[in-house]
C-alpha atoms as a PDB file:
ATOM      1  CA  MET A   1     -13.473 -14.904  -5.628  1.00  0.00           C
ATOM      2  CA  ASN A   2     -12.216 -11.842  -3.764  1.00  0.00           C
ATOM      3  CA  GLN A   3     -11.067  -8.798  -5.629  1.00  0.00           C
ATOM      4  CA  PHE A   4      -7.483  -9.268  -4.482  1.00  0.00           C
ATOM      5  CA  SER A   5      -7.469 -12.556  -6.351  1.00  0.00           C
ATOM      6  CA  GLU A   6      -8.883 -11.029  -9.483  1.00  0.00           C
ATOM      7  CA  VAL A   7      -6.430  -8.133  -9.581  1.00  0.00           C
ATOM      8  CA  THR A   8      -3.541 -10.455  -8.671  1.00  0.00           C
ATOM      9  CA  GLU A   9      -4.452 -12.798 -11.562  1.00  0.00           C
ATOM     10  CA  TYR A  10      -4.640  -9.834 -13.905  1.00  0.00           C
ATOM     11  CA  LEU A  11      -1.209  -8.628 -12.832  1.00  0.00           C
ATOM     12  CA  ARG A  12       0.226 -12.119 -13.145  1.00  0.00           C
ATOM     13  CA  GLN A  13      -1.103 -12.398 -16.668  1.00  0.00           C
ATOM     14  CA  PHE A  14       0.011  -8.854 -17.563  1.00  0.00           C
ATOM     15  CA  ALA A  15       3.579  -9.672 -16.519  1.00  0.00           C
ATOM     16  CA  LYS A  16       3.554 -13.024 -18.276  1.00  0.00           C
ATOM     17  CA  GLU A  17       2.305 -11.605 -21.571  1.00  0.00           C
ATOM     18  CA  ARG A  18       5.236  -9.140 -21.507  1.00  0.00           C
ATOM     19  CA  ASP A  19       7.831 -11.694 -20.292  1.00  0.00           C
ATOM     20  CA  TRP A  20       8.386  -9.531 -17.175  1.00  0.00           C
ATOM     21  CA  GLU A  21       8.341 -12.308 -14.585  1.00  0.00           C
ATOM     22  CA  GLN A  22      12.107 -12.387 -14.999  1.00  0.00           C
ATOM     23  CA  PHE A  23      12.272  -8.865 -13.566  1.00  0.00           C
ATOM     24  CA  HIS A  24       9.700  -9.358 -10.784  1.00  0.00           C
ATOM     25  CA  SER A  25      11.903 -10.595  -8.008  1.00  0.00           C
ATOM     26  CA  PRO A  26      10.896  -9.559  -4.494  1.00  0.00           C
ATOM     27  CA  LYS A  27      13.919  -7.194  -4.435  1.00  0.00           C
ATOM     28  CA  ASN A  28      12.936  -5.468  -7.639  1.00  0.00           C
ATOM     29  CA  LEU A  29       9.289  -5.271  -6.774  1.00  0.00           C
ATOM     30  CA  SER A  30       9.982  -3.832  -3.333  1.00  0.00           C
ATOM     31  CA  MET A  31      12.255  -1.195  -4.921  1.00  0.00           C
ATOM     32  CA  ALA A  32       9.582  -0.344  -7.520  1.00  0.00           C
ATOM     33  CA  LEU A  33       7.076  -0.056  -4.683  1.00  0.00           C
ATOM     34  CA  SER A  34       9.365   2.315  -2.882  1.00  0.00           C
ATOM     35  CA  VAL A  35       9.696   4.498  -5.974  1.00  0.00           C
ATOM     36  CA  GLU A  36       5.941   4.651  -6.398  1.00  0.00           C
ATOM     37  CA  CYS A  37       5.566   5.603  -2.725  1.00  0.00           C
ATOM     38  CA  ALA A  38       8.032   8.446  -3.312  1.00  0.00           C
ATOM     39  CA  GLU A  39       6.086   9.581  -6.325  1.00  0.00           C
ATOM     40  CA  LEU A  40       2.959   9.665  -4.201  1.00  0.00           C
ATOM     41  CA  MET A  41       4.714  11.659  -1.524  1.00  0.00           C
ATOM     42  CA  GLU A  42       6.018  14.084  -4.069  1.00  0.00           C
ATOM     43  CA  HIS A  43       2.470  15.373  -4.641  1.00  0.00           C
ATOM     44  CA  PHE A  44       2.327  16.425  -0.998  1.00  0.00           C
ATOM     45  CA  GLN A  45       5.865  17.756  -0.668  1.00  0.00           C
ATOM     46  CA  TRP A  46       5.856  21.292   0.702  1.00  0.00           C
ATOM     47  CA  MET A  47       2.058  21.307   0.968  1.00  0.00           C
ATOM     48  CA  GLU A  48       0.517  22.479   4.220  1.00  0.00           C
ATOM     49  CA  SER A  49      -1.390  19.757   6.076  1.00  0.00           C
ATOM     50  CA  LYS A  50      -4.673  21.587   5.672  1.00  0.00           C
ATOM     51  CA  ALA A  51      -4.152  21.947   1.879  1.00  0.00           C
ATOM     52  CA  SER A  52      -3.525  18.192   1.593  1.00  0.00           C
ATOM     53  CA  CYS A  53      -7.133  17.706   2.808  1.00  0.00           C
ATOM     54  CA  ASN A  54      -8.563  20.055   0.228  1.00  0.00           C
ATOM     55  CA  LEU A  55      -7.300  18.796  -3.148  1.00  0.00           C
ATOM     56  CA  ASP A  56      -8.805  19.795  -6.443  1.00  0.00           C
ATOM     57  CA  ALA A  57     -10.021  17.230  -9.007  1.00  0.00           C
ATOM     58  CA  THR A  58      -6.784  17.354 -11.002  1.00  0.00           C
ATOM     59  CA  GLN A  59      -4.672  16.744  -7.860  1.00  0.00           C
ATOM     60  CA  LYS A  60      -6.960  13.914  -6.698  1.00  0.00           C
ATOM     61  CA  HIS A  61      -6.730  12.246 -10.069  1.00  0.00           C
ATOM     62  CA  ALA A  62      -2.914  12.393 -10.168  1.00  0.00           C
ATOM     63  CA  ILE A  63      -2.628  11.249  -6.555  1.00  0.00           C
ATOM     64  CA  GLY A  64      -5.119   8.483  -7.212  1.00  0.00           C
ATOM     65  CA  GLU A  65      -2.945   7.121 -10.024  1.00  0.00           C
ATOM     66  CA  GLU A  66       0.011   6.954  -7.633  1.00  0.00           C
ATOM     67  CA  VAL A  67      -2.062   5.275  -4.950  1.00  0.00           C
ATOM     68  CA  VAL A  68      -3.093   2.649  -7.477  1.00  0.00           C
ATOM     69  CA  ASP A  69       0.549   2.087  -8.554  1.00  0.00           C
ATOM     70  CA  VAL A  70       1.437   1.532  -4.877  1.00  0.00           C
ATOM     71  CA  LEU A  71      -1.426  -0.938  -4.507  1.00  0.00           C
ATOM     72  CA  LEU A  72      -0.637  -2.812  -7.736  1.00  0.00           C
ATOM     73  CA  TYR A  73       3.062  -3.208  -6.848  1.00  0.00           C
ATOM     74  CA  THR A  74       2.011  -4.351  -3.378  1.00  0.00           C
ATOM     75  CA  LEU A  75      -0.298  -6.973  -4.805  1.00  0.00           C
ATOM     76  CA  ARG A  76       2.337  -8.172  -7.305  1.00  0.00           C
ATOM     77  CA  LEU A  77       4.899  -8.464  -4.534  1.00  0.00           C
ATOM     78  CA  ALA A  78       2.486 -10.383  -2.334  1.00  0.00           C
ATOM     79  CA  ASP A  79       1.793 -12.738  -5.204  1.00  0.00           C
ATOM     80  CA  VAL A  80       5.449 -13.353  -6.000  1.00  0.00           C
ATOM     81  CA  LEU A  81       6.087 -14.086  -2.309  1.00  0.00           C
ATOM     82  CA  GLU A  82       2.948 -16.293  -2.211  1.00  0.00           C
ATOM     83  CA  LEU A  83       1.465 -14.379   0.659  1.00  0.00           C
ATOM     84  CA  ASP A  84      -2.181 -14.965   1.584  1.00  0.00           C
ATOM     85  CA  LEU A  85      -3.146 -11.331   1.790  1.00  0.00           C
ATOM     86  CA  PRO A  86      -6.647 -11.691   3.299  1.00  0.00           C
ATOM     87  CA  GLN A  87      -5.156 -13.874   6.033  1.00  0.00           C
ATOM     88  CA  ALA A  88      -2.164 -11.530   6.523  1.00  0.00           C
ATOM     89  CA  ILE A  89      -4.549  -8.523   6.794  1.00  0.00           C
ATOM     90  CA  LEU A  90      -6.648 -10.296   9.380  1.00  0.00           C
ATOM     91  CA  GLN A  91      -3.544 -11.202  11.446  1.00  0.00           C
ATOM     92  CA  LYS A  92      -2.042  -7.708  11.179  1.00  0.00           C
ATOM     93  CA  THR A  93      -5.278  -5.921  12.088  1.00  0.00           C
ATOM     94  CA  GLN A  94      -5.704  -8.149  15.105  1.00  0.00           C
ATOM     95  CA  LYS A  95      -2.120  -7.367  16.120  1.00  0.00           C
ATOM     96  CA  ASN A  96      -2.769  -3.648  15.673  1.00  0.00           C
ATOM     97  CA  GLU A  97      -5.937  -3.847  17.809  1.00  0.00           C
ATOM     98  CA  ALA A  98      -3.872  -5.423  20.615  1.00  0.00           C
ATOM     99  CA  LYS A  99      -1.038  -2.878  20.240  1.00  0.00           C
ATOM    100  CA  TYR A 100      -3.391   0.062  20.086  1.00  0.00           C
ATOM    101  CA  PRO A 101      -6.431  -0.585  22.348  1.00  0.00           C
ATOM    102  CA  ALA A 102      -9.004   2.156  21.724  1.00  0.00           C
ATOM    103  CA  HIS A 103      -9.474   2.920  25.389  1.00  0.00           C
ATOM    104  CA  LYS A 104      -5.777   3.748  25.732  1.00  0.00           C
ATOM    105  CA  VAL A 105      -4.928   5.473  22.426  1.00  0.00           C
ATOM    106  CA  LYS A 106      -8.057   7.379  21.532  1.00  0.00           C
ATOM    107  CA  GLY A 107      -7.143  10.863  20.252  1.00  0.00           C
ATOM    108  CA  SER A 108      -3.387  10.291  20.613  1.00  0.00           C
ATOM    109  CA  SER A 109      -0.686   9.736  17.984  1.00  0.00           C
ATOM    110  CA  LYS A 110       1.874   8.218  20.380  1.00  0.00           C
ATOM    111  CA  LYS A 111       3.739   5.053  19.354  1.00  0.00           C
ATOM    112  CA  TYR A 112       2.481   1.816  20.929  1.00  0.00           C
ATOM    113  CA  SER A 113       5.635   1.547  23.032  1.00  0.00           C
ATOM    114  CA  GLU A 114       4.753   4.896  24.726  1.00  0.00           C
ATOM    115  CA  TYR A 115       1.500   3.530  26.282  1.00  0.00           C
ATOM    116  CA  GLU A 116       1.496   1.911  29.634  1.00  0.00           C
END
């Protein structure tokens, strides 16, 4: 069993034990995910780029908790929508490889539509 499945099952059971499935619509989960993303971004707000690469242990811990919240809501949303995440990841990464061929994009941050 892959770890996505194990965590997804844990989240499914967690919600069920609390009678929270009623609140876990795709709409609500996507909104909760957005809130968690904002909470993650808040840690970096007004921070210089260089400082964001040199976090102390306390900052890393707090940011790590937000990253996990983002991941957990993502997994819960994927479960509610019955997405096959491993397959979706494979398809998306293949699409990204085609959109951003290494020989064309190496060292550049341009959007895929700017490459010819």
